[in-house]
Amino acid sequence: FNVISDRRTQIAGYLYGVSPPESPPVKEIRCVVLPPQWGTHETVHLPNILPEHESFKVR
């Protein structure tokens, strides 16, 4: 899965999803967002603003 950096560099992503009505503790992942970021093997720097898109909104 991690083919966007070398194996020691940490990367981060935001998970967007919903809980099914019959099982609120369960989260169904609908989208993984990899924002612009930079980092090393010790840390990751992310933007201060969360990404926005129509598909991230709860329906």
N, C-alpha and C. Protein backbone atom coordinates (compact mmCIF):
# COMPACT_ATOMS: atom_id res chain seq x y z
N PHE A 1 0.82 -1.20 0.00
CA PHE A 1 0.00 0.00 0.00
C PHE A 1 0.86 1.25 0.00
N ASN A 2 1.93 1.24 0.74
CA ASN A 2 2.76 2.44 0.87
C ASN A 2 3.79 2.49 -0.26
N VAL A 3 3.41 2.99 -1.41
CA VAL A 3 4.34 3.12 -2.52
C VAL A 3 4.57 4.59 -2.87
N ILE A 4 4.19 5.51 -1.97
CA ILE A 4 4.35 6.93 -2.23
C ILE A 4 5.52 7.54 -1.47
N SER A 5 6.25 6.72 -0.72
CA SER A 5 7.42 7.20 0.02
C SER A 5 8.32 6.00 0.28
N ASP A 6 9.51 6.28 0.83
CA ASP A 6 10.33 5.13 1.18
C ASP A 6 9.74 4.45 2.41
N ARG A 7 10.19 3.27 2.71
CA ARG A 7 9.53 2.46 3.75
C ARG A 7 9.70 3.00 5.16
N ARG A 8 10.68 3.84 5.41
CA ARG A 8 10.86 4.38 6.76
C ARG A 8 10.10 5.69 6.99
N THR A 9 9.73 6.37 5.93
CA THR A 9 9.03 7.64 6.07
C THR A 9 7.57 7.40 6.45
N GLN A 10 7.12 8.10 7.50
CA GLN A 10 5.73 7.97 7.92
C GLN A 10 4.83 8.78 6.98
N ILE A 11 3.63 8.27 6.76
CA ILE A 11 2.62 9.01 6.01
C ILE A 11 1.33 9.01 6.83
N ALA A 12 0.44 9.94 6.53
CA ALA A 12 -0.82 10.03 7.26
C ALA A 12 -1.97 10.17 6.27
N GLY A 13 -3.13 9.73 6.69
CA GLY A 13 -4.33 9.86 5.88
C GLY A 13 -5.53 10.10 6.78
N TYR A 14 -6.55 10.73 6.22
CA TYR A 14 -7.81 10.94 6.93
C TYR A 14 -8.80 9.89 6.46
N LEU A 15 -9.47 9.25 7.39
CA LEU A 15 -10.49 8.25 7.07
C LEU A 15 -11.87 8.89 7.23
N TYR A 16 -12.70 8.76 6.22
CA TYR A 16 -14.07 9.25 6.27
C TYR A 16 -15.01 8.06 6.13
N GLY A 17 -16.04 8.02 6.97
CA GLY A 17 -16.96 6.90 6.91
C GLY A 17 -18.23 7.16 7.68
N VAL A 18 -19.02 6.12 7.83
CA VAL A 18 -20.30 6.20 8.54
C VAL A 18 -20.47 4.97 9.41
N SER A 19 -21.38 5.07 10.36
CA SER A 19 -21.76 3.93 11.18
C SER A 19 -23.09 3.38 10.67
N PRO A 20 -23.18 2.06 10.47
CA PRO A 20 -24.47 1.51 10.06
C PRO A 20 -25.48 1.62 11.20
N PRO A 21 -26.75 1.84 10.91
CA PRO A 21 -27.76 2.02 11.95
C PRO A 21 -27.86 0.84 12.92
N GLU A 22 -27.63 -0.37 12.43
CA GLU A 22 -27.77 -1.55 13.29
C GLU A 22 -26.55 -1.80 14.18
N SER A 23 -25.44 -1.08 13.94
CA SER A 23 -24.23 -1.29 14.73
C SER A 23 -23.42 0.01 14.85
N PRO A 24 -23.85 0.92 15.74
CA PRO A 24 -23.19 2.22 15.87
C PRO A 24 -21.68 2.17 16.17
N PRO A 25 -21.17 1.17 16.93
CA PRO A 25 -19.72 1.18 17.18
C PRO A 25 -18.88 0.86 15.94
N VAL A 26 -19.49 0.26 14.92
CA VAL A 26 -18.76 -0.12 13.71
C VAL A 26 -18.68 1.09 12.77
N LYS A 27 -17.51 1.28 12.15
CA LYS A 27 -17.34 2.36 11.18
C LYS A 27 -17.05 1.75 9.82
N GLU A 28 -17.83 2.13 8.82
CA GLU A 28 -17.60 1.71 7.45
C GLU A 28 -16.81 2.80 6.75
N ILE A 29 -15.59 2.50 6.35
CA ILE A 29 -14.75 3.49 5.70
C ILE A 29 -15.24 3.69 4.27
N ARG A 30 -15.50 4.94 3.93
CA ARG A 30 -15.99 5.28 2.60
C ARG A 30 -14.90 5.92 1.74
N CYS A 31 -13.91 6.56 2.40
CA CYS A 31 -12.90 7.29 1.64
C CYS A 31 -11.64 7.44 2.49
N VAL A 32 -10.48 7.34 1.86
CA VAL A 32 -9.19 7.63 2.50
C VAL A 32 -8.58 8.80 1.75
N VAL A 33 -8.24 9.87 2.47
CA VAL A 33 -7.67 11.06 1.85
C VAL A 33 -6.22 11.18 2.29
N LEU A 34 -5.32 11.28 1.33
CA LEU A 34 -3.91 11.53 1.60
C LEU A 34 -3.61 12.98 1.24
N PRO A 35 -3.63 13.89 2.25
CA PRO A 35 -3.41 15.31 1.96
C PRO A 35 -1.93 15.58 1.66
N PRO A 36 -1.63 16.75 1.09
CA PRO A 36 -0.23 17.12 0.91
C PRO A 36 0.45 17.11 2.28
N GLN A 37 1.63 16.54 2.36
CA GLN A 37 2.32 16.40 3.64
C GLN A 37 3.80 16.24 3.41
N TRP A 38 4.55 16.45 4.48
CA TRP A 38 5.97 16.17 4.44
C TRP A 38 6.36 15.59 5.78
N GLY A 39 7.41 14.79 5.79
CA GLY A 39 7.78 14.15 7.04
C GLY A 39 9.08 13.39 6.94
N THR A 40 9.39 12.72 8.03
CA THR A 40 10.59 11.90 8.14
C THR A 40 10.18 10.57 8.74
N HIS A 41 11.17 9.81 9.17
CA HIS A 41 10.86 8.55 9.84
C HIS A 41 10.35 8.78 11.26
N GLU A 42 10.39 10.02 11.76
CA GLU A 42 9.95 10.32 13.12
C GLU A 42 8.67 11.13 13.20
N THR A 43 8.31 11.87 12.17
CA THR A 43 7.17 12.78 12.26
C THR A 43 6.53 13.02 10.90
N VAL A 44 5.29 13.48 10.93
CA VAL A 44 4.56 13.85 9.71
C VAL A 44 3.95 15.24 9.94
N HIS A 45 4.07 16.11 8.96
CA HIS A 45 3.47 17.44 9.03
C HIS A 45 2.29 17.49 8.07
N LEU A 46 1.13 17.88 8.61
CA LEU A 46 -0.11 17.95 7.83
C LEU A 46 -0.61 19.39 7.77
N PRO A 47 -1.42 19.73 6.76
CA PRO A 47 -2.00 21.07 6.70
C PRO A 47 -2.93 21.31 7.90
N ASN A 48 -3.10 22.57 8.26
CA ASN A 48 -3.99 22.93 9.38
C ASN A 48 -5.46 22.90 8.99
N ILE A 49 -5.76 22.88 7.71
CA ILE A 49 -7.14 22.90 7.22
C ILE A 49 -7.50 21.51 6.70
N LEU A 50 -8.64 20.99 7.13
CA LEU A 50 -9.10 19.68 6.65
C LEU A 50 -9.58 19.78 5.21
N PRO A 51 -9.36 18.73 4.43
CA PRO A 51 -9.86 18.75 3.05
C PRO A 51 -11.39 18.74 3.03
N GLU A 52 -11.95 19.35 2.00
CA GLU A 52 -13.41 19.38 1.84
C GLU A 52 -13.77 18.82 0.47
N HIS A 53 -14.84 18.05 0.44
CA HIS A 53 -15.36 17.51 -0.82
C HIS A 53 -16.78 17.03 -0.57
N GLU A 54 -17.59 17.04 -1.58
CA GLU A 54 -18.98 16.62 -1.46
C GLU A 54 -19.11 15.19 -0.93
N SER A 55 -18.22 14.31 -1.33
CA SER A 55 -18.33 12.90 -0.90
C SER A 55 -17.99 12.70 0.58
N PHE A 56 -17.41 13.69 1.25
CA PHE A 56 -17.10 13.57 2.68
C PHE A 56 -18.31 13.88 3.56
N LYS A 57 -19.34 14.50 3.01
CA LYS A 57 -20.49 14.94 3.80
C LYS A 57 -21.40 13.77 4.14
N VAL A 58 -21.98 13.85 5.33
CA VAL A 58 -22.93 12.82 5.79
C VAL A 58 -24.24 13.01 5.05
N ARG A 59 -24.79 11.91 4.57
CA ARG A 59 -26.07 11.98 3.85
C ARG A 59 -27.16 11.35 4.66
